[in-house]
Amino acid sequence: MTITQAIAAFTTRSAPGLPHRLANLLDHRPLSATAANDTEDPPTDRTSAPADYKPGPAEDARIAHPSAAPLRPWVPAFLTTGTPPDLVDPSGRPFTRSHARLSILEQHAARGWSLIDIKATRHDPTWAGFWSGYAHRRDAQKRLTIDWERAYQHAEKRLSPTGQKSSQPAHKHKPTHTGGVGGLRWKLAAARKWVLMSGHFTGRQQWTALVVITALAYGISLTDGQTVATGGRWLSIASGLTGEASVWTVLRKLRSIDGSPLIYLEGWNARAHTGDRYTLVTPKLDGRTLHAAEWEAFAARIEPIDPVWSELGLAAWWCYEILRAIQPNAGESVHPNDLAAAAHISVKTVHRALVKLQDHGLVDHGWGWVAHTGRSPRRLPILTAQVDERRAARITRHRAIRAEFWAFIDLISANYHITDIPNYVSHTEPAHHPAARDIVLDRRHTPNQPPPPTPQPKPRNKQSPTHIADTHALALLQNVLGATPLATIAQRGKSPPTNSDPSRRRARKRGDHR
């Protein structure tokens, strides 16, 4: 098989991202778009290289003017144990083992080491932690060569004279996030971190809490940037087609926990037709304010959850989001253990999520490494069509339910006096329809408080004991026998009988009790 045929085979039948990684392994030569049935031999002249091609350093290459500075204090411990230091990179992301290995290679390259010197430490016990990162990789030799080239070039550029540095495009604008509306992105990042670390949410409820918090932040960004008045049905749509019951359960739980990032401000407004009003604050964990790292704020994108994740799973969504944050460029790999540490979840959960992501071409996954392909979940046509249809159906159903509910509330508002609803017009006269008031008040009370007592309507006229007894008798007939009185005596235009009625006294004497 020729090189052209091999490239065509890998191009037409491979996982996304594989040709890109293979091209990097082949001295970064550009990958030609060769058709699968092209059987022509490649050009015989292989000595020419692209104009922008720069070969990597040879194995025995050393920097001309090495640094005499000592190694950083954390280096010996990592070389022995392989435990990354508690540091962050320039973009604010925490150090992974990949970060630490690259930093060690760069430091040794800056001090005059060559790749041959690095390879000579393979069986040195003091370097056991460093080499453990390459031990289980099938492409360990290639990976080491690529890492060394990156480290060597960075060290060479860092130690080069000032005149040479200024001639290179080193003054590019570094993109940074703005933090959202009024620091909303930081609050969202801290809130999601609190959900994962507080221990109040486990299993599926943990993922539901993460997406509900994200949907609330998105809702706040659509308003004044401080609060949002919304209901559980809208949140179920914005959180990726989460079940309404699950959303309401999480909201009640978030409202009941001390230190929660969710603050309940006021109840729904009948006149304005708005839902409960919420805001996000920086949470507290064990009495201490919990702040997010910069890379966590970078990962906290204020946008609705794509409904595709309702099919792929919210654990897959979370792993995908964190992977894109710690490795923004497609094809850059990270160890699954490092991904689990950054996501604050177990390695087992990460592996299950990666299998599902790889099945749909969103990540490339191998032994000890994972990299996202840059493919958007919107580029899954079958799943996208299915979930978009479900989303449209749910929105239609929610609109019908919402219209029916507000029509009922408007009916109550127009015909009855409701005195105990916050944000509603107050009246001095008590309500004349306790059943209607019960419906509204049951929806208004908070989960940790009993429903407010329903005031009894004041009687307009003083009723006699006999009239009260007749009322109780009618109620008994309705409840026990199922009888339904069609009209009362008063409705037929007759005055109620009294104890002084002669016919009534005669009936009592005969024992005829009606």
Protein backbone atom coordinates (compact mmCIF):
# COMPACT_ATOMS: atom_id res chain seq x y z
CA MET A 1 0.00 0.00 0.00
CA THR A 2 1.30 3.45 -0.86
CA ILE A 3 1.35 6.45 1.43
CA THR A 4 -1.46 8.03 -0.59
CA GLN A 5 -3.63 4.94 -0.21
CA ALA A 6 -2.97 4.77 3.52
CA ILE A 7 -3.90 8.41 3.99
CA ALA A 8 -7.06 7.91 1.94
CA ALA A 9 -8.04 4.89 4.04
CA PHE A 10 -7.63 6.78 7.29
CA THR A 11 -9.40 9.84 5.89
CA THR A 12 -12.50 8.03 4.70
CA ARG A 13 -12.89 5.54 7.53
CA SER A 14 -11.80 6.88 10.91
CA ALA A 15 -13.04 8.59 14.04
CA PRO A 16 -13.22 12.41 13.84
CA GLY A 17 -9.91 14.01 14.71
CA LEU A 18 -7.78 10.99 13.86
CA PRO A 19 -6.34 12.39 10.58
CA HIS A 20 -5.42 15.59 12.38
CA ARG A 21 -3.49 13.69 15.06
CA LEU A 22 -1.81 11.47 12.49
CA ALA A 23 -0.72 14.53 10.55
CA ASN A 24 0.91 15.88 13.70
CA LEU A 25 2.77 12.61 14.16
CA LEU A 26 4.05 12.77 10.58
CA ASP A 27 6.25 15.82 11.28
CA HIS A 28 3.20 18.10 10.91
CA ARG A 29 3.17 17.66 7.13
CA PRO A 30 -0.10 18.87 5.57
CA LEU A 31 -2.67 16.17 4.93
CA SER A 32 -3.67 15.99 1.26
CA ALA A 33 -7.31 15.59 0.36
CA THR A 34 -6.77 12.41 -1.67
CA ALA A 35 -9.74 10.48 -2.92
CA ALA A 36 -10.29 6.95 -1.67
CA ASN A 37 -9.93 5.41 -5.13
CA ASP A 38 -6.77 7.31 -6.07
CA THR A 39 -4.17 4.67 -6.90
CA GLU A 40 -1.49 6.91 -8.35
CA ASP A 41 1.94 6.85 -6.77
CA PRO A 42 2.95 9.90 -4.72
CA PRO A 43 5.40 12.40 -6.22
CA THR A 44 8.99 11.16 -6.26
CA ASP A 45 10.37 14.48 -5.01
CA ARG A 46 9.97 14.29 -1.22
CA THR A 47 12.73 16.70 -0.34
CA SER A 48 10.66 19.83 -0.69
CA ALA A 49 8.70 21.07 2.31
CA PRO A 50 6.03 23.74 2.73
CA ALA A 51 7.25 27.27 3.15
CA ASP A 52 5.97 27.45 6.75
CA TYR A 53 7.37 24.06 7.74
CA LYS A 54 9.94 24.10 10.50
CA PRO A 55 11.53 20.80 11.56
CA GLY A 56 11.65 19.97 15.24
CA PRO A 57 14.86 19.84 17.22
CA ALA A 58 17.13 16.84 16.92
CA GLU A 59 17.41 14.46 19.87
CA ASP A 60 20.85 15.82 20.77
CA ALA A 61 19.94 19.50 20.24
CA ARG A 62 20.62 21.85 23.14
CA ILE A 63 19.78 25.50 23.67
CA ALA A 64 22.77 27.72 22.90
CA HIS A 65 22.47 29.93 26.00
CA PRO A 66 20.95 27.82 28.79
CA SER A 67 19.61 29.23 32.02
CA ALA A 68 21.43 28.75 35.31
CA ALA A 69 18.32 29.17 37.47
CA PRO A 70 17.37 26.24 39.74
CA LEU A 71 14.35 24.07 39.02
CA ARG A 72 11.06 25.06 40.57
CA PRO A 73 10.48 23.67 44.08
CA TRP A 74 7.65 21.31 43.14
CA VAL A 75 9.60 19.51 40.39
CA PRO A 76 11.37 16.81 42.52
CA ALA A 77 8.11 15.72 44.13
CA PHE A 78 6.34 15.36 40.78
CA LEU A 79 9.26 13.50 39.24
CA THR A 80 8.99 10.90 41.99
CA THR A 81 5.25 10.61 42.65
CA GLY A 82 3.56 12.01 39.54
CA THR A 83 1.23 14.18 41.65
CA PRO A 84 0.66 17.56 39.96
CA PRO A 85 1.31 20.68 42.04
CA ASP A 86 -1.44 22.93 43.31
CA LEU A 87 -0.88 25.57 40.66
CA VAL A 88 -2.73 27.19 37.77
CA ASP A 89 -1.55 27.97 34.27
CA PRO A 90 -1.60 31.52 32.80
CA SER A 91 -5.24 31.10 31.75
CA GLY A 92 -6.29 30.17 35.29
CA ARG A 93 -6.80 26.45 34.74
CA PRO A 94 -5.42 24.07 37.39
CA PHE A 95 -2.26 22.13 36.66
CA THR A 96 -2.84 18.62 35.35
CA ARG A 97 -0.17 15.94 35.01
CA SER A 98 0.14 16.91 31.36
CA HIS A 99 0.81 20.52 32.39
CA ALA A 100 3.42 19.37 34.88
CA ARG A 101 5.23 17.12 32.40
CA LEU A 102 5.42 19.88 29.79
CA SER A 103 6.68 22.33 32.41
CA ILE A 104 9.41 19.90 33.52
CA LEU A 105 10.51 19.31 29.94
CA GLU A 106 10.60 23.05 29.34
CA GLN A 107 12.62 23.71 32.49
CA HIS A 108 15.19 21.04 31.59
CA ALA A 109 15.40 22.22 27.99
CA ALA A 110 16.06 25.75 29.26
CA ARG A 111 18.90 24.38 31.40
CA GLY A 112 20.71 22.77 28.45
CA TRP A 113 19.22 19.26 28.48
CA SER A 114 18.60 17.35 25.26
CA LEU A 115 16.01 14.71 24.47
CA ILE A 116 18.73 12.07 24.82
CA ASP A 117 19.32 13.25 28.39
CA ILE A 118 15.61 13.01 29.14
CA LYS A 119 15.38 9.46 27.76
CA ALA A 120 18.35 8.41 29.87
CA THR A 121 16.23 8.92 33.03
CA ARG A 122 13.62 6.32 32.02
CA HIS A 123 14.78 3.77 34.61
CA ASP A 124 15.77 6.32 37.25
CA PRO A 125 13.60 5.83 40.39
CA THR A 126 13.58 9.55 41.03
CA TRP A 127 11.86 10.01 37.66
CA ALA A 128 9.28 7.25 38.13
CA GLY A 129 6.35 9.67 38.52
CA PHE A 130 7.26 11.50 35.31
CA TRP A 131 7.53 8.35 33.19
CA SER A 132 4.28 6.89 34.59
CA GLY A 133 2.41 9.33 32.36
CA TYR A 134 3.82 7.65 29.27
CA ALA A 135 3.93 4.05 30.54
CA HIS A 136 0.47 2.94 29.33
CA ARG A 137 0.39 4.81 26.04
CA ARG A 138 0.82 2.88 22.81
CA ASP A 139 2.22 6.03 21.22
CA ALA A 140 4.50 6.86 24.16
CA GLN A 141 7.56 7.51 21.99
CA LYS A 142 5.69 9.81 19.62
CA ARG A 143 3.96 11.60 22.48
CA LEU A 144 7.24 12.26 24.21
CA THR A 145 8.75 13.61 20.98
CA ILE A 146 5.83 15.99 20.46
CA ASP A 147 5.91 17.16 24.08
CA TRP A 148 9.67 17.74 23.85
CA GLU A 149 9.32 19.77 20.66
CA ARG A 150 6.73 22.02 22.27
CA ALA A 151 8.77 22.42 25.45
CA TYR A 152 12.04 23.01 23.57
CA GLN A 153 10.53 25.67 21.29
CA HIS A 154 8.93 27.45 24.24
CA ALA A 155 12.20 27.46 26.19
CA GLU A 156 14.12 28.64 23.12
CA LYS A 157 11.69 31.49 22.60
CA ARG A 158 11.72 32.45 26.29
CA LEU A 159 15.51 32.60 26.43
CA SER A 160 16.01 34.25 23.06
CA PRO A 161 17.29 37.89 22.94
CA THR A 162 14.73 40.69 23.12
CA GLY A 163 15.26 41.68 19.48
CA GLN A 164 14.29 38.23 18.25
CA LYS A 165 11.22 38.12 20.49
CA SER A 166 9.85 41.39 19.17
CA SER A 167 10.12 40.18 15.58
CA GLN A 168 7.71 37.34 16.32
CA PRO A 169 3.96 37.73 16.68
CA ALA A 170 4.18 37.73 20.46
CA HIS A 171 1.83 40.66 21.05
CA LYS A 172 -1.37 38.99 20.07
CA HIS A 173 -4.52 39.84 21.95
CA LYS A 174 -5.28 37.24 24.58
CA PRO A 175 -9.01 36.51 24.63
CA THR A 176 -10.49 36.62 28.10
CA HIS A 177 -14.05 36.27 29.28
CA THR A 178 -15.87 39.32 30.61
CA GLY A 179 -17.35 37.51 33.58
CA GLY A 180 -20.90 37.78 32.31
CA VAL A 181 -23.45 40.39 33.27
CA GLY A 182 -22.39 41.94 36.57
CA GLY A 183 -20.26 38.97 37.53
CA LEU A 184 -23.07 36.54 36.76
CA ARG A 185 -20.65 34.07 35.20
CA TRP A 186 -18.63 33.91 38.41
CA LYS A 187 -21.80 33.34 40.44
CA LEU A 188 -22.86 30.55 38.10
CA ALA A 189 -19.44 28.90 38.35
CA ALA A 190 -19.49 29.11 42.15
CA ALA A 191 -23.06 27.78 42.26
CA ARG A 192 -22.21 24.75 40.13
CA LYS A 193 -19.12 24.11 42.22
CA TRP A 194 -21.28 24.26 45.37
CA VAL A 195 -23.74 21.72 43.93
CA LEU A 196 -20.89 19.28 43.33
CA MET A 197 -19.08 19.82 46.62
CA SER A 198 -21.91 20.36 49.13
CA GLY A 199 -23.10 16.74 49.14
CA HIS A 200 -26.78 17.76 49.14
CA PHE A 201 -27.32 16.43 45.63
CA THR A 202 -26.41 12.93 44.46
CA GLY A 203 -27.18 10.73 41.50
CA ARG A 204 -29.46 12.13 38.84
CA GLN A 205 -30.53 14.99 41.07
CA GLN A 206 -26.96 16.32 40.96
CA TRP A 207 -27.13 16.74 37.17
CA THR A 208 -30.61 18.24 37.43
CA ALA A 209 -29.36 20.81 39.93
CA LEU A 210 -26.47 21.75 37.63
CA VAL A 211 -28.68 22.36 34.61
CA VAL A 212 -31.39 24.17 36.62
CA ILE A 213 -28.77 26.55 38.06
CA THR A 214 -27.41 27.11 34.54
CA ALA A 215 -30.91 27.76 33.18
CA LEU A 216 -31.61 30.26 35.96
CA ALA A 217 -28.42 32.14 35.13
CA TYR A 218 -29.49 32.23 31.50
CA GLY A 219 -32.88 33.61 32.51
CA ILE A 220 -31.24 36.31 34.63
CA SER A 221 -29.06 37.32 31.68
CA LEU A 222 -32.21 37.90 29.61
CA THR A 223 -33.64 40.41 32.11
CA ASP A 224 -31.92 43.05 34.23
CA GLY A 225 -28.94 40.84 35.03
CA GLN A 226 -29.91 40.64 38.72
CA THR A 227 -33.15 38.65 39.12
CA VAL A 228 -35.56 36.59 37.07
CA ALA A 229 -39.25 35.82 37.53
CA THR A 230 -39.89 32.44 35.99
CA GLY A 231 -41.67 29.17 36.48
CA GLY A 232 -40.62 25.57 36.53
CA ARG A 233 -41.94 24.87 33.05
CA TRP A 234 -39.72 27.49 31.41
CA LEU A 235 -36.76 26.19 33.39
CA SER A 236 -37.48 22.66 32.20
CA ILE A 237 -37.12 23.86 28.60
CA ALA A 238 -34.00 25.95 29.22
CA SER A 239 -32.35 23.12 31.17
CA GLY A 240 -32.43 20.73 28.22
CA LEU A 241 -35.93 19.22 28.46
CA THR A 242 -35.59 18.22 32.10
CA GLY A 243 -38.77 16.88 33.67
CA GLU A 244 -40.98 19.52 35.29
CA ALA A 245 -41.36 17.52 38.50
CA SER A 246 -37.57 17.17 38.80
CA VAL A 247 -37.12 20.92 38.31
CA TRP A 248 -39.65 21.77 41.03
CA THR A 249 -38.05 19.28 43.43
CA VAL A 250 -34.61 20.80 42.92
CA LEU A 251 -35.97 24.35 43.31
CA ARG A 252 -37.62 23.48 46.62
CA LYS A 253 -34.42 21.86 47.84
CA LEU A 254 -32.23 24.78 46.79
CA ARG A 255 -34.55 27.20 48.56
CA SER A 256 -34.41 25.21 51.81
CA ILE A 257 -30.61 24.81 52.23
CA ASP A 258 -28.52 27.33 54.16
CA GLY A 259 -25.75 28.80 52.05
CA SER A 260 -27.51 27.92 48.82
CA PRO A 261 -26.66 30.01 45.75
CA LEU A 262 -30.37 30.36 44.98
CA ILE A 263 -32.33 33.07 46.80
CA TYR A 264 -36.12 33.11 46.65
CA LEU A 265 -37.25 36.74 46.57
CA GLU A 266 -41.01 36.73 46.07
CA GLY A 267 -43.85 34.60 44.84
CA TRP A 268 -45.64 34.66 41.52
CA ASN A 269 -47.62 37.76 40.61
CA ALA A 270 -51.23 37.28 39.59
CA ARG A 271 -51.67 40.65 37.93
CA ALA A 272 -48.38 40.61 36.01
CA HIS A 273 -48.67 36.90 35.10
CA THR A 274 -45.09 36.25 36.23
CA GLY A 275 -43.57 33.34 38.13
CA ASP A 276 -41.54 33.18 41.34
CA ARG A 277 -38.63 35.60 41.44
CA TYR A 278 -35.11 34.33 42.11
CA THR A 279 -31.55 35.57 42.13
CA LEU A 280 -28.12 33.94 42.27
CA VAL A 281 -25.56 34.77 44.95
CA THR A 282 -22.13 33.48 45.84
CA PRO A 283 -22.81 30.36 47.95
CA LYS A 284 -21.38 29.36 51.29
CA LEU A 285 -20.02 25.94 52.22
CA ASP A 286 -19.44 25.09 55.89
CA GLY A 287 -19.84 28.77 56.76
CA ARG A 288 -17.23 29.94 54.26
CA THR A 289 -17.85 31.73 51.00
CA LEU A 290 -17.14 29.42 48.07
CA HIS A 291 -15.41 31.16 45.16
CA ALA A 292 -14.84 29.79 41.68
CA ALA A 293 -11.48 29.63 39.95
CA GLU A 294 -10.95 31.59 36.78
CA TRP A 295 -11.03 28.52 34.57
CA GLU A 296 -14.34 27.49 36.18
CA ALA A 297 -15.80 30.89 35.32
CA PHE A 298 -14.48 30.42 31.79
CA ALA A 299 -16.31 27.08 31.61
CA ALA A 300 -19.57 28.54 32.97
CA ARG A 301 -21.14 29.63 29.73
CA ILE A 302 -24.43 31.48 30.24
CA GLU A 303 -26.65 29.78 27.70
CA PRO A 304 -29.51 27.26 27.69
CA ILE A 305 -28.72 23.56 27.72
CA ASP A 306 -29.03 22.00 24.28
CA PRO A 307 -31.90 19.47 24.31
CA VAL A 308 -29.60 16.96 22.57
CA TRP A 309 -28.10 16.29 26.00
CA SER A 310 -31.43 14.89 27.18
CA GLU A 311 -30.65 11.94 24.90
CA LEU A 312 -26.89 11.72 25.47
CA GLY A 313 -27.17 12.21 29.24
CA LEU A 314 -26.37 15.14 31.50
CA ALA A 315 -23.21 13.45 32.78
CA ALA A 316 -21.94 13.47 29.19
CA TRP A 317 -22.87 17.16 28.95
CA TRP A 318 -20.88 18.00 32.07
CA CYS A 319 -17.79 16.08 30.94
CA TYR A 320 -17.98 17.69 27.50
CA GLU A 321 -18.21 21.18 28.99
CA ILE A 322 -15.27 20.68 31.36
CA LEU A 323 -13.16 19.02 28.67
CA ARG A 324 -13.67 21.99 26.35
CA ALA A 325 -12.71 24.35 29.16
CA ILE A 326 -9.44 22.68 30.18
CA GLN A 327 -8.44 21.79 26.59
CA PRO A 328 -10.01 24.45 24.31
CA ASN A 329 -8.30 23.26 21.12
CA ALA A 330 -9.64 20.19 19.36
CA GLY A 331 -7.24 17.26 19.37
CA GLU A 332 -5.39 18.26 22.55
CA SER A 333 -5.58 15.34 24.94
CA VAL A 334 -5.97 15.12 28.69
CA HIS A 335 -5.95 12.16 31.04
CA PRO A 336 -9.43 10.96 32.15
CA ASN A 337 -8.30 11.16 35.80
CA ASP A 338 -7.46 14.84 35.30
CA LEU A 339 -10.85 15.39 33.69
CA ALA A 340 -12.57 13.71 36.65
CA ALA A 341 -10.66 15.89 39.11
CA ALA A 342 -11.59 19.08 37.26
CA ALA A 343 -15.24 18.02 36.96
CA HIS A 344 -15.48 16.99 40.67
CA ILE A 345 -16.92 13.60 39.72
CA SER A 346 -15.70 10.01 39.84
CA VAL A 347 -13.43 8.47 37.21
CA LYS A 348 -16.04 5.75 36.64
CA THR A 349 -18.66 8.36 35.76
CA VAL A 350 -16.21 10.03 33.38
CA HIS A 351 -15.49 6.77 31.55
CA ARG A 352 -19.20 6.00 31.12
CA ALA A 353 -19.79 9.49 29.73
CA LEU A 354 -16.79 9.27 27.40
CA VAL A 355 -18.08 6.05 25.86
CA LYS A 356 -21.33 7.77 24.94
CA LEU A 357 -19.54 10.87 23.65
CA GLN A 358 -17.17 8.78 21.53
CA ASP A 359 -20.05 6.79 20.05
CA HIS A 360 -21.41 10.07 18.64
CA GLY A 361 -18.08 11.44 17.49
CA LEU A 362 -17.85 14.25 20.03
CA VAL A 363 -14.59 13.03 21.61
CA ASP A 364 -11.70 10.73 20.79
CA HIS A 365 -10.90 8.40 23.65
CA GLY A 366 -8.06 5.97 24.19
CA TRP A 367 -6.11 4.34 27.00
CA GLY A 368 -5.15 7.16 29.35
CA TRP A 369 -6.21 10.05 27.11
CA VAL A 370 -9.24 11.87 25.78
CA ALA A 371 -9.62 14.81 23.40
CA HIS A 372 -12.68 16.55 22.03
CA THR A 373 -13.06 16.63 18.27
CA GLY A 374 -14.53 20.12 18.00
CA ARG A 375 -17.81 18.67 16.75
CA SER A 376 -20.94 20.36 18.07
CA PRO A 377 -23.83 18.25 19.38
CA ARG A 378 -25.99 20.17 16.89
CA ARG A 379 -24.19 18.24 14.16
CA LEU A 380 -25.95 15.02 15.14
CA PRO A 381 -28.81 15.25 12.63
CA ILE A 382 -31.01 12.37 13.79
CA LEU A 383 -30.84 13.23 17.48
CA THR A 384 -31.24 16.94 16.76
CA ALA A 385 -34.42 16.36 14.77
CA GLN A 386 -35.88 14.13 17.48
CA VAL A 387 -35.19 16.46 20.39
CA ASP A 388 -36.31 19.55 18.47
CA GLU A 389 -39.63 17.86 17.84
CA ARG A 390 -39.96 16.98 21.53
CA ARG A 391 -39.05 20.54 22.50
CA ALA A 392 -41.69 22.05 20.19
CA ALA A 393 -44.34 19.67 21.55
CA ARG A 394 -43.48 20.52 25.14
CA ILE A 395 -43.55 24.26 24.47
CA THR A 396 -47.01 23.90 22.90
CA ARG A 397 -48.25 21.92 25.89
CA HIS A 398 -46.79 24.42 28.34
CA ARG A 399 -48.45 27.34 26.56
CA ALA A 400 -51.82 25.63 26.76
CA ILE A 401 -51.39 24.83 30.47
CA ARG A 402 -50.16 28.33 31.20
CA ALA A 403 -53.04 29.97 29.34
CA GLU A 404 -55.58 27.83 31.20
CA PHE A 405 -53.99 28.58 34.57
CA TRP A 406 -53.84 32.35 34.08
CA ALA A 407 -57.41 32.37 32.76
CA PHE A 408 -58.47 30.66 35.99
CA ILE A 409 -56.53 33.17 38.08
CA ASP A 410 -58.07 36.07 36.14
CA LEU A 411 -61.51 34.59 36.79
CA ILE A 412 -60.82 34.51 40.52
CA SER A 413 -59.44 38.03 40.43
CA ALA A 414 -62.54 39.34 38.67
CA ASN A 415 -65.12 37.63 40.91
CA TYR A 416 -63.59 37.13 44.35
CA HIS A 417 -61.66 39.16 46.89
CA ILE A 418 -58.31 37.51 47.60
CA THR A 419 -56.64 39.22 50.51
CA ASP A 420 -53.58 37.14 51.35
CA ILE A 421 -51.70 37.05 48.06
CA PRO A 422 -48.49 39.12 48.09
CA ASN A 423 -48.23 41.70 45.32
CA TYR A 424 -52.02 41.72 45.06
CA VAL A 425 -54.57 44.48 45.79
CA SER A 426 -55.60 44.37 49.45
CA HIS A 427 -59.24 44.48 50.52
CA THR A 428 -60.80 45.02 53.89
CA GLU A 429 -63.68 42.67 53.17
CA PRO A 430 -62.77 38.99 53.60
CA ALA A 431 -63.03 36.59 50.68
CA HIS A 432 -66.42 35.03 49.95
CA HIS A 433 -65.05 31.93 48.26
CA PRO A 434 -62.78 29.89 50.58
CA ALA A 435 -62.28 27.11 48.04
CA ALA A 436 -60.84 29.50 45.48
CA ARG A 437 -58.62 31.06 48.13
CA ASP A 438 -57.36 27.60 49.16
CA ILE A 439 -56.26 26.84 45.61
CA VAL A 440 -54.23 30.01 45.38
CA LEU A 441 -52.77 29.88 48.87
CA ASP A 442 -51.69 26.26 48.46
CA ARG A 443 -49.60 27.35 45.48
CA ARG A 444 -48.16 30.29 47.39
CA HIS A 445 -46.73 28.78 50.58
CA THR A 446 -43.05 27.94 50.75
CA PRO A 447 -41.97 24.31 51.19
CA ASN A 448 -40.58 24.71 54.70
CA GLN A 449 -43.58 26.57 56.08
CA PRO A 450 -47.14 25.32 56.65
CA PRO A 451 -49.82 26.86 54.45
CA PRO A 452 -51.18 30.10 55.90
CA PRO A 453 -54.50 29.69 57.74
CA THR A 454 -57.59 30.42 55.75
CA PRO A 455 -59.75 33.07 57.49
CA GLN A 456 -63.36 32.10 57.83
CA PRO A 457 -65.86 34.50 56.21
CA LYS A 458 -67.79 36.61 58.67
CA PRO A 459 -71.49 35.73 58.80
CA ARG A 460 -73.67 38.50 57.46
CA ASN A 461 -76.65 37.67 59.68
CA LYS A 462 -76.88 35.85 62.93
CA GLN A 463 -78.18 32.35 62.23
CA SER A 464 -80.37 30.37 64.55
CA PRO A 465 -79.27 26.94 65.85
CA THR A 466 -82.06 25.30 63.84
CA HIS A 467 -80.78 26.80 60.60
CA ILE A 468 -77.27 25.57 61.40
CA ALA A 469 -78.60 22.08 62.07
CA ASP A 470 -80.44 22.08 58.74
CA THR A 471 -77.23 23.07 56.99
CA HIS A 472 -75.36 20.18 58.62
CA ALA A 473 -78.15 17.79 57.61
CA LEU A 474 -77.89 18.86 53.99
CA ALA A 475 -74.13 18.36 54.09
CA LEU A 476 -74.61 14.87 55.54
CA LEU A 477 -77.04 13.97 52.74
CA GLN A 478 -74.54 15.10 50.15
CA ASN A 479 -71.52 13.31 51.65
CA VAL A 480 -73.11 10.01 52.75
CA LEU A 481 -76.06 9.44 50.44
CA GLY A 482 -74.80 11.38 47.42
CA ALA A 483 -77.91 13.54 47.37
CA THR A 484 -77.77 16.88 45.61
CA PRO A 485 -80.29 19.51 46.79
CA LEU A 486 -81.56 21.33 43.70
CA ALA A 487 -82.81 24.39 45.47
CA THR A 488 -83.24 25.60 48.99
CA ILE A 489 -86.39 26.94 50.46
CA ALA A 490 -84.96 30.44 50.39
CA GLN A 491 -84.17 30.13 46.67
CA ARG A 492 -87.82 29.18 45.98
CA GLY A 493 -88.90 32.45 47.49
CA LYS A 494 -90.11 31.03 50.79
CA SER A 495 -88.92 32.09 54.18
CA PRO A 496 -87.31 29.41 56.30
CA PRO A 497 -89.62 27.77 58.83
CA THR A 498 -89.26 28.67 62.47
CA ASN A 499 -89.93 26.83 65.70
CA SER A 500 -93.19 28.78 66.05
CA ASP A 501 -94.67 27.25 62.86
CA PRO A 502 -97.79 25.22 63.93
CA SER A 503 -97.38 22.63 61.18
CA ARG A 504 -93.81 22.00 62.26
CA ARG A 505 -94.85 21.53 65.89
CA ARG A 506 -97.57 19.03 64.84
CA ALA A 507 -95.05 17.08 62.77
CA ARG A 508 -92.68 16.83 65.70
CA LYS A 509 -95.44 15.53 67.93
CA ARG A 510 -96.13 12.78 65.38
CA GLY A 511 -92.44 11.92 65.35
CA ASP A 512 -92.12 12.85 61.67
CA HIS A 513 -88.53 14.12 61.54
CA ARG A 514 -87.55 15.32 58.13
